[in-house]
C-alpha atoms as a PDB file:
ATOM      1  CA  UNK A   1     -17.919 -16.297   0.328  1.00  0.00           C
ATOM      2  CA  UNK A   2     -16.028 -14.975  -2.695  1.00  0.00           C
ATOM      3  CA  UNK A   3     -15.978 -11.215  -3.212  1.00  0.00           C
ATOM      4  CA  UNK A   4     -17.404  -9.952  -6.499  1.00  0.00           C
ATOM      5  CA  UNK A   5     -14.857  -7.199  -7.055  1.00  0.00           C
ATOM      6  CA  UNK A   6     -16.555  -6.010 -10.256  1.00  0.00           C
ATOM      7  CA  UNK A   7     -19.997  -5.395  -8.773  1.00  0.00           C
ATOM      8  CA  UNK A   8     -18.477  -4.094  -5.539  1.00  0.00           C
ATOM      9  CA  UNK A   9     -16.594  -1.422  -7.499  1.00  0.00           C
ATOM     10  CA  UNK A  10     -19.585  -0.575  -9.704  1.00  0.00           C
ATOM     11  CA  UNK A  11     -21.747  -0.125  -6.605  1.00  0.00           C
ATOM     12  CA  UNK A  12     -19.212   2.364  -5.261  1.00  0.00           C
ATOM     13  CA  UNK A  13     -18.103   4.167  -8.422  1.00  0.00           C
ATOM     14  CA  UNK A  14     -20.880   3.487 -10.904  1.00  0.00           C
ATOM     15  CA  UNK A  15     -21.036   1.505 -14.141  1.00  0.00           C
ATOM     16  CA  UNK A  16     -18.945   2.126 -17.255  1.00  0.00           C
ATOM     17  CA  UNK A  17     -20.671   1.724 -20.640  1.00  0.00           C
ATOM     18  CA  UNK A  18     -19.377   2.203 -24.168  1.00  0.00           C
ATOM     19  CA  UNK A  19     -20.937   2.031 -27.639  1.00  0.00           C
ATOM     20  CA  UNK A  20     -18.442   0.614 -30.169  1.00  0.00           C
ATOM     21  CA  UNK A  21     -18.771   1.449 -33.871  1.00  0.00           C
ATOM     22  CA  UNK A  22     -18.416  -2.194 -34.891  1.00  0.00           C
ATOM     23  CA  UNK A  23     -22.014  -3.509 -35.412  1.00  0.00           C
ATOM     24  CA  UNK A  24     -20.998  -7.012 -34.279  1.00  0.00           C
ATOM     25  CA  UNK A  25     -19.852  -5.689 -30.909  1.00  0.00           C
ATOM     26  CA  UNK A  26     -22.581  -3.071 -30.648  1.00  0.00           C
ATOM     27  CA  UNK A  27     -25.368  -5.651 -30.861  1.00  0.00           C
ATOM     28  CA  UNK A  28     -23.745  -7.732 -28.108  1.00  0.00           C
ATOM     29  CA  UNK A  29     -23.425  -4.750 -25.749  1.00  0.00           C
ATOM     30  CA  UNK A  30     -26.797  -3.123 -26.474  1.00  0.00           C
ATOM     31  CA  UNK A  31     -30.464  -4.044 -26.021  1.00  0.00           C
ATOM     32  CA  UNK A  32     -33.867  -2.364 -26.167  1.00  0.00           C
ATOM     33  CA  UNK A  33     -36.329  -2.677 -23.268  1.00  0.00           C
ATOM     34  CA  UNK A  34     -39.740  -1.252 -22.412  1.00  0.00           C
ATOM     35  CA  UNK A  35     -37.964   1.382 -20.308  1.00  0.00           C
ATOM     36  CA  UNK A  36     -35.503   2.310 -23.020  1.00  0.00           C
ATOM     37  CA  UNK A  37     -32.124   1.208 -24.326  1.00  0.00           C
ATOM     38  CA  UNK A  38     -29.629  -0.541 -22.064  1.00  0.00           C
ATOM     39  CA  UNK A  39     -25.858  -0.950 -22.417  1.00  0.00           C
ATOM     40  CA  UNK A  40     -23.680  -3.602 -20.885  1.00  0.00           C
ATOM     41  CA  UNK A  41     -21.215  -2.394 -18.241  1.00  0.00           C
ATOM     42  CA  UNK A  42     -17.622  -3.010 -19.283  1.00  0.00           C
ATOM     43  CA  UNK A  43     -16.707  -3.840 -15.685  1.00  0.00           C
ATOM     44  CA  UNK A  44     -19.418  -6.036 -14.150  1.00  0.00           C
ATOM     45  CA  UNK A  45     -21.300  -7.116 -17.306  1.00  0.00           C
ATOM     46  CA  UNK A  46     -24.729  -5.961 -16.110  1.00  0.00           C
ATOM     47  CA  UNK A  47     -26.995  -4.076 -18.500  1.00  0.00           C
ATOM     48  CA  UNK A  48     -27.478  -0.436 -17.498  1.00  0.00           C
ATOM     49  CA  UNK A  49     -30.391   1.756 -18.502  1.00  0.00           C
ATOM     50  CA  UNK A  50     -29.539   4.981 -20.326  1.00  0.00           C
ATOM     51  CA  UNK A  51     -27.146   6.438 -22.869  1.00  0.00           C
ATOM     52  CA  UNK A  52     -23.597   4.997 -23.021  1.00  0.00           C
ATOM     53  CA  UNK A  53     -20.838   6.954 -21.356  1.00  0.00           C
ATOM     54  CA  UNK A  54     -18.791   6.945 -24.538  1.00  0.00           C
ATOM     55  CA  UNK A  55     -18.745   5.756 -28.136  1.00  0.00           C
ATOM     56  CA  UNK A  56     -16.327   5.244 -30.998  1.00  0.00           C
ATOM     57  CA  UNK A  57     -13.873   2.603 -32.257  1.00  0.00           C
ATOM     58  CA  UNK A  58     -13.437  -0.463 -30.061  1.00  0.00           C
ATOM     59  CA  UNK A  59      -9.722   0.342 -29.772  1.00  0.00           C
ATOM     60  CA  UNK A  60     -10.608   3.639 -28.058  1.00  0.00           C
ATOM     61  CA  UNK A  61     -12.803   2.018 -25.415  1.00  0.00           C
ATOM     62  CA  UNK A  62     -11.681   2.693 -21.817  1.00  0.00           C
ATOM     63  CA  UNK A  63      -9.555  -0.021 -20.287  1.00  0.00           C
ATOM     64  CA  UNK A  64     -11.648  -0.796 -17.211  1.00  0.00           C
ATOM     65  CA  UNK A  65      -9.967  -2.753 -14.375  1.00  0.00           C
ATOM     66  CA  UNK A  66     -11.898  -5.951 -13.671  1.00  0.00           C
ATOM     67  CA  UNK A  67     -11.723  -9.029 -11.469  1.00  0.00           C
ATOM     68  CA  UNK A  68      -8.194  -9.882 -10.397  1.00  0.00           C
ATOM     69  CA  UNK A  69      -6.962  -6.400 -11.336  1.00  0.00           C
ATOM     70  CA  UNK A  70      -9.433  -4.829  -8.896  1.00  0.00           C
ATOM     71  CA  UNK A  71      -8.396  -7.252  -6.158  1.00  0.00           C
ATOM     72  CA  UNK A  72      -4.732  -6.376  -6.719  1.00  0.00           C
ATOM     73  CA  UNK A  73      -5.611  -2.668  -6.605  1.00  0.00           C
ATOM     74  CA  UNK A  74      -7.361  -3.182  -3.257  1.00  0.00           C
ATOM     75  CA  UNK A  75      -4.248  -4.887  -1.838  1.00  0.00           C
ATOM     76  CA  UNK A  76      -1.981  -2.130  -3.168  1.00  0.00           C
ATOM     77  CA  UNK A  77      -4.134   0.545  -1.528  1.00  0.00           C
ATOM     78  CA  UNK A  78      -4.091  -1.355   1.752  1.00  0.00           C
ATOM     79  CA  UNK A  79      -0.283  -1.358   1.560  1.00  0.00           C
ATOM     80  CA  UNK A  80      -0.372   2.340   0.636  1.00  0.00           C
ATOM     81  CA  UNK A  81      -2.340   3.169   3.785  1.00  0.00           C
ATOM     82  CA  UNK A  82       0.072   1.103   5.893  1.00  0.00           C
ATOM     83  CA  UNK A  83       3.037   2.946   4.334  1.00  0.00           C
ATOM     84  CA  UNK A  84       1.390   6.330   4.884  1.00  0.00           C
ATOM     85  CA  UNK A  85       0.678   5.604   8.565  1.00  0.00           C
ATOM     86  CA  UNK A  86       4.238   4.370   9.064  1.00  0.00           C
ATOM     87  CA  UNK A  87       5.660   7.416   7.286  1.00  0.00           C
ATOM     88  CA  UNK A  88       3.700   9.865   9.439  1.00  0.00           C
ATOM     89  CA  UNK A  89       4.765   8.027  12.598  1.00  0.00           C
ATOM     90  CA  UNK A  90       8.434   8.158  11.568  1.00  0.00           C
ATOM     91  CA  UNK A  91       8.121  11.896  10.868  1.00  0.00           C
ATOM     92  CA  UNK A  92       6.789  12.399  14.399  1.00  0.00           C
ATOM     93  CA  UNK A  93       9.698  10.372  15.809  1.00  0.00           C
ATOM     94  CA  UNK A  94      12.173  12.423  13.771  1.00  0.00           C
ATOM     95  CA  UNK A  95      10.669  15.658  15.073  1.00  0.00           C
ATOM     96  CA  UNK A  96      10.844  14.322  18.632  1.00  0.00           C
ATOM     97  CA  UNK A  97      14.526  13.408  18.184  1.00  0.00           C
ATOM     98  CA  UNK A  98      15.271  16.847  16.733  1.00  0.00           C
ATOM     99  CA  UNK A  99      13.531  18.634  19.604  1.00  0.00           C
ATOM    100  CA  UNK A 100      15.296  16.380  22.096  1.00  0.00           C
ATOM    101  CA  UNK A 101      18.673  17.218  20.534  1.00  0.00           C
ATOM    102  CA  UNK A 102      18.042  20.925  21.128  1.00  0.00           C
ATOM    103  CA  UNK A 103      17.065  20.510  24.799  1.00  0.00           C
ATOM    104  CA  UNK A 104      18.944  17.382  25.782  1.00  0.00           C
ATOM    105  CA  UNK A 105      20.138  18.618  29.204  1.00  0.00           C
ATOM    106  CA  UNK A 106      16.703  19.911  30.216  1.00  0.00           C
ATOM    107  CA  UNK A 107      15.044  16.640  29.230  1.00  0.00           C
ATOM    108  CA  UNK A 108      17.684  14.669  31.138  1.00  0.00           C
ATOM    109  CA  UNK A 109      17.098  16.673  34.328  1.00  0.00           C
ATOM    110  CA  UNK A 110      13.326  16.270  33.973  1.00  0.00           C
ATOM    111  CA  UNK A 111      13.706  12.535  33.403  1.00  0.00           C
ATOM    112  CA  UNK A 112      15.935  12.125  36.455  1.00  0.00           C
ATOM    113  CA  UNK A 113      13.427  14.052  38.598  1.00  0.00           C
ATOM    114  CA  UNK A 114      10.548  11.845  37.511  1.00  0.00           C
ATOM    115  CA  UNK A 115      12.721   8.760  37.959  1.00  0.00           C
ATOM    116  CA  UNK A 116      13.363   9.710  41.578  1.00  0.00           C
ATOM    117  CA  UNK A 117       9.630  10.175  42.141  1.00  0.00           C
ATOM    118  CA  UNK A 118       8.547   6.892  40.584  1.00  0.00           C
ATOM    119  CA  UNK A 119      11.425   4.728  41.860  1.00  0.00           C
ATOM    120  CA  UNK A 120       9.791   4.032  45.297  1.00  0.00           C
ATOM    121  CA  UNK A 121       6.428   3.356  43.640  1.00  0.00           C
ATOM    122  CA  UNK A 122       7.833   0.739  41.284  1.00  0.00           C
ATOM    123  CA  UNK A 123       9.943  -0.726  44.096  1.00  0.00           C
ATOM    124  CA  UNK A 124       6.699  -1.345  45.977  1.00  0.00           C
ATOM    125  CA  UNK A 125       5.633  -3.596  43.082  1.00  0.00           C
ATOM    126  CA  UNK A 126       9.044  -5.330  43.124  1.00  0.00           C
ATOM    127  CA  UNK A 127      10.243  -3.663  39.913  1.00  0.00           C
ATOM    128  CA  UNK A 128      13.706  -2.101  39.877  1.00  0.00           C
ATOM    129  CA  UNK A 129      13.751   0.907  37.526  1.00  0.00           C
ATOM    130  CA  UNK A 130      17.524   1.156  37.772  1.00  0.00           C
ATOM    131  CA  UNK A 131      17.828  -2.180  35.959  1.00  0.00           C
ATOM    132  CA  UNK A 132      14.964  -1.621  33.496  1.00  0.00           C
ATOM    133  CA  UNK A 133      15.940  -2.121  29.806  1.00  0.00           C
ATOM    134  CA  UNK A 134      13.656   0.768  28.789  1.00  0.00           C
ATOM    135  CA  UNK A 135      15.182   3.145  31.333  1.00  0.00           C
ATOM    136  CA  UNK A 136      18.667   2.002  30.335  1.00  0.00           C
ATOM    137  CA  UNK A 137      17.953   2.717  26.655  1.00  0.00           C
ATOM    138  CA  UNK A 138      16.680   6.221  27.469  1.00  0.00           C
ATOM    139  CA  UNK A 139      19.710   6.951  29.629  1.00  0.00           C
ATOM    140  CA  UNK A 140      22.014   5.830  26.801  1.00  0.00           C
ATOM    141  CA  UNK A 141      20.234   8.254  24.478  1.00  0.00           C
ATOM    142  CA  UNK A 142      21.177  11.103  26.818  1.00  0.00           C
ATOM    143  CA  UNK A 143      24.810  10.312  26.113  1.00  0.00           C
ATOM    144  CA  UNK A 144      24.502  10.808  22.354  1.00  0.00           C
ATOM    145  CA  UNK A 145      26.149  13.881  20.869  1.00  0.00           C
ATOM    146  CA  UNK A 146      24.017  16.672  19.432  1.00  0.00           C
ATOM    147  CA  UNK A 147      25.401  16.072  15.931  1.00  0.00           C
ATOM    148  CA  UNK A 148      24.593  12.362  16.175  1.00  0.00           C
ATOM    149  CA  UNK A 149      20.989  13.086  17.125  1.00  0.00           C
ATOM    150  CA  UNK A 150      20.629  15.543  14.247  1.00  0.00           C
ATOM    151  CA  UNK A 151      21.989  12.925  11.838  1.00  0.00           C
ATOM    152  CA  UNK A 152      19.533  10.386  13.240  1.00  0.00           C
ATOM    153  CA  UNK A 153      16.647  12.829  12.780  1.00  0.00           C
ATOM    154  CA  UNK A 154      17.738  13.448   9.185  1.00  0.00           C
ATOM    155  CA  UNK A 155      17.929   9.714   8.415  1.00  0.00           C
ATOM    156  CA  UNK A 156      14.490   9.177   9.921  1.00  0.00           C
ATOM    157  CA  UNK A 157      13.044  11.968   7.779  1.00  0.00           C
ATOM    158  CA  UNK A 158      14.634  10.459   4.653  1.00  0.00           C
ATOM    159  CA  UNK A 159      13.156   7.064   5.527  1.00  0.00           C
ATOM    160  CA  UNK A 160       9.755   8.652   6.156  1.00  0.00           C
ATOM    161  CA  UNK A 161       9.932  10.388   2.774  1.00  0.00           C
ATOM    162  CA  UNK A 162      10.541   7.056   1.045  1.00  0.00           C
ATOM    163  CA  UNK A 163       7.547   5.545   2.857  1.00  0.00           C
ATOM    164  CA  UNK A 164       5.269   8.450   1.899  1.00  0.00           C
ATOM    165  CA  UNK A 165       6.395   8.369  -1.740  1.00  0.00           C
ATOM    166  CA  UNK A 166       5.681   4.632  -1.774  1.00  0.00           C
ATOM    167  CA  UNK A 167       2.233   5.287  -0.318  1.00  0.00           C
ATOM    168  CA  UNK A 168       1.277   7.803  -2.998  1.00  0.00           C
ATOM    169  CA  UNK A 169       2.623   5.646  -5.826  1.00  0.00           C
ATOM    170  CA  UNK A 170       0.964   2.460  -4.586  1.00  0.00           C
ATOM    171  CA  UNK A 171      -2.383   4.242  -4.123  1.00  0.00           C
ATOM    172  CA  UNK A 172      -2.356   5.159  -7.823  1.00  0.00           C
ATOM    173  CA  UNK A 173      -0.916   1.750  -8.813  1.00  0.00           C
ATOM    174  CA  UNK A 174       2.222   3.226 -10.395  1.00  0.00           C
ATOM    175  CA  UNK A 175       4.674   0.616 -11.573  1.00  0.00           C
ATOM    176  CA  UNK A 176       7.699   2.627 -10.387  1.00  0.00           C
ATOM    177  CA  UNK A 177       6.187   2.627  -6.884  1.00  0.00           C
ATOM    178  CA  UNK A 178       5.874  -1.155  -6.990  1.00  0.00           C
ATOM    179  CA  UNK A 179       9.572  -1.445  -7.873  1.00  0.00           C
ATOM    180  CA  UNK A 180      10.463   1.078  -5.150  1.00  0.00           C
ATOM    181  CA  UNK A 181       8.417  -0.804  -2.553  1.00  0.00           C
ATOM    182  CA  UNK A 182       9.992  -4.167  -3.391  1.00  0.00           C
ATOM    183  CA  UNK A 183      13.550  -2.783  -3.397  1.00  0.00           C
ATOM    184  CA  UNK A 184      13.181  -0.606  -0.275  1.00  0.00           C
ATOM    185  CA  UNK A 185      11.348  -3.265   1.726  1.00  0.00           C
ATOM    186  CA  UNK A 186      13.816  -5.985   0.726  1.00  0.00           C
ATOM    187  CA  UNK A 187      16.730  -3.768   1.750  1.00  0.00           C
ATOM    188  CA  UNK A 188      15.458  -3.610   5.338  1.00  0.00           C
ATOM    189  CA  UNK A 189      14.637  -7.329   5.674  1.00  0.00           C
ATOM    190  CA  UNK A 190      18.188  -8.310   6.819  1.00  0.00           C
ATOM    191  CA  UNK A 191      18.028  -5.624   9.516  1.00  0.00           C
ATOM    192  CA  UNK A 192      14.633  -6.871  10.717  1.00  0.00           C
ATOM    193  CA  UNK A 193      15.954 -10.435  10.847  1.00  0.00           C
ATOM    194  CA  UNK A 194      19.043  -9.262  12.756  1.00  0.00           C
ATOM    195  CA  UNK A 195      16.845  -7.485  15.327  1.00  0.00           C
ATOM    196  CA  UNK A 196      15.054 -10.774  16.008  1.00  0.00           C
ATOM    197  CA  UNK A 197      18.368 -12.327  17.076  1.00  0.00           C
ATOM    198  CA  UNK A 198      18.588  -9.807  19.915  1.00  0.00           C
ATOM    199  CA  UNK A 199      14.999  -9.682  21.099  1.00  0.00           C
ATOM    200  CA  UNK A 200      11.969 -11.562  19.784  1.00  0.00           C
ATOM    201  CA  UNK A 201       8.525  -9.960  19.936  1.00  0.00           C
ATOM    202  CA  UNK A 202       5.231 -10.592  18.197  1.00  0.00           C
ATOM    203  CA  UNK A 203       5.342  -7.087  16.711  1.00  0.00           C
ATOM    204  CA  UNK A 204       8.732  -7.704  15.102  1.00  0.00           C
ATOM    205  CA  UNK A 205       7.682 -11.134  13.819  1.00  0.00           C
ATOM    206  CA  UNK A 206       4.405  -9.789  12.408  1.00  0.00           C
ATOM    207  CA  UNK A 207       6.171  -6.854  10.706  1.00  0.00           C
ATOM    208  CA  UNK A 208       8.773  -9.168   9.169  1.00  0.00           C
ATOM    209  CA  UNK A 209       6.161 -11.614   7.862  1.00  0.00           C
ATOM    210  CA  UNK A 210       3.997  -8.823   6.408  1.00  0.00           C
ATOM    211  CA  UNK A 211       6.981  -7.255   4.654  1.00  0.00           C
ATOM    212  CA  UNK A 212       8.072 -10.596   3.163  1.00  0.00           C
ATOM    213  CA  UNK A 213       4.526 -11.297   1.949  1.00  0.00           C
ATOM    214  CA  UNK A 214       4.255  -7.781   0.497  1.00  0.00           C
ATOM    215  CA  UNK A 215       7.513  -8.206  -1.446  1.00  0.00           C
ATOM    216  CA  UNK A 216       6.505 -11.615  -2.835  1.00  0.00           C
ATOM    217  CA  UNK A 217       2.955 -10.526  -3.645  1.00  0.00           C
ATOM    218  CA  UNK A 218       3.907  -7.365  -5.519  1.00  0.00           C
ATOM    219  CA  UNK A 219       6.860  -8.924  -7.361  1.00  0.00           C
ATOM    220  CA  UNK A 220       4.866 -11.960  -8.527  1.00  0.00           C
ATOM    221  CA  UNK A 221       1.430 -10.466  -9.255  1.00  0.00           C
ATOM    222  CA  UNK A 222       2.871  -7.386 -10.992  1.00  0.00           C
ATOM    223  CA  UNK A 223       5.494  -9.498 -12.795  1.00  0.00           C
ATOM    224  CA  UNK A 224       8.384  -7.238 -11.759  1.00  0.00           C
ATOM    225  CA  UNK A 225      12.025  -7.849 -12.707  1.00  0.00           C
ATOM    226  CA  UNK A 226      10.917 -10.059 -15.598  1.00  0.00           C
ATOM    227  CA  UNK A 227       9.111 -12.556 -13.361  1.00  0.00           C
ATOM    228  CA  UNK A 228       6.301 -14.571 -14.994  1.00  0.00           C
ATOM    229  CA  UNK A 229       6.814 -12.930 -18.365  1.00  0.00           C
ATOM    230  CA  UNK A 230       7.553  -9.404 -17.177  1.00  0.00           C
ATOM    231  CA  UNK A 231       5.834  -6.187 -18.262  1.00  0.00           C
ATOM    232  CA  UNK A 232       4.605  -7.549 -21.603  1.00  0.00           C
ATOM    233  CA  UNK A 233       2.777 -10.446 -19.948  1.00  0.00           C
ATOM    234  CA  UNK A 234       1.332  -8.065 -17.320  1.00  0.00           C
ATOM    235  CA  UNK A 235      -0.070  -5.732 -19.996  1.00  0.00           C
ATOM    236  CA  UNK A 236      -1.552  -8.642 -21.959  1.00  0.00           C
ATOM    237  CA  UNK A 237      -3.202  -9.974 -18.806  1.00  0.00           C
ATOM    238  CA  UNK A 238      -4.756  -6.617 -18.001  1.00  0.00           C
ATOM    239  CA  UNK A 239      -6.017  -6.037 -21.541  1.00  0.00           C
ATOM    240  CA  UNK A 240      -7.534  -9.515 -21.710  1.00  0.00           C
ATOM    241  CA  UNK A 241      -9.585  -8.667 -18.630  1.00  0.00           C
ATOM    242  CA  UNK A 242     -11.546  -6.002 -20.551  1.00  0.00           C
ATOM    243  CA  UNK A 243     -15.128  -7.075 -21.275  1.00  0.00           C
ATOM    244  CA  UNK A 244     -14.970  -5.370 -24.656  1.00  0.00           C
ATOM    245  CA  UNK A 245     -11.933  -7.475 -25.550  1.00  0.00           C
ATOM    246  CA  UNK A 246     -13.863 -10.605 -24.561  1.00  0.00           C
ATOM    247  CA  UNK A 247     -16.889  -9.533 -26.587  1.00  0.00           C
ATOM    248  CA  UNK A 248     -14.682  -8.712 -29.589  1.00  0.00           C
ATOM    249  CA  UNK A 249     -13.093 -12.159 -29.441  1.00  0.00           C
ATOM    250  CA  UNK A 250     -16.536 -13.746 -29.229  1.00  0.00           C
ATOM    251  CA  UNK A 251     -17.792 -11.623 -32.136  1.00  0.00           C
ATOM    252  CA  UNK A 252     -14.916 -12.657 -34.341  1.00  0.00           C
ATOM    253  CA  UNK A 253     -15.596 -16.311 -33.648  1.00  0.00           C
ATOM    254  CA  UNK A 254     -19.300 -16.019 -34.527  1.00  0.00           C
END
């Protein structure tokens, strides 16, 4: 079943009505009923009882997102939430690395103590902790220099900042954020592909596919980098989605 993005948004945010000065448009957006005057919503097209939310020249009417624009906004906000969650997680990892760098020896001793305790337990289930890839990775981390760990924490924080900036920009549908998301995500695609050559997992595959789809979707639907007509074509498409623009075109033809 297709989603009616216009009525879905009106149900959540309310209708948007406008009384244009042009009599030809005014008569097409206005009607009288037994309950009073009604005005046509610029988003969903339904007639709404009560005074209009605004009035004046048709050129000053609010540009209300409709249809495909609302669907694109929903996708952008989904990506914004995903970026925000990822950014917060990376911040937590960066903090953990920083704290580990300041107490590396203590953490190593604690890890070795717990390893000695759990080694017989895992051996009972025929699992050798001494040859575990996870344990080996942790033990390698203990060999990193303090300065290296601090640099890693700083890089993680910088990456998290980019993700959080993307999240805020995408939530408000800023065009600069769309460019930033496409460029930043594309820059990490070769690294994600390289990681698959070492170890394949469903998480890595899913992340790679989602990032590729996000890049293609944003670049094509938002007409970035001159694609599909560029910014001019994008603005024309959005303006043509306004109900008042449609009504004005119809009024001119009458």
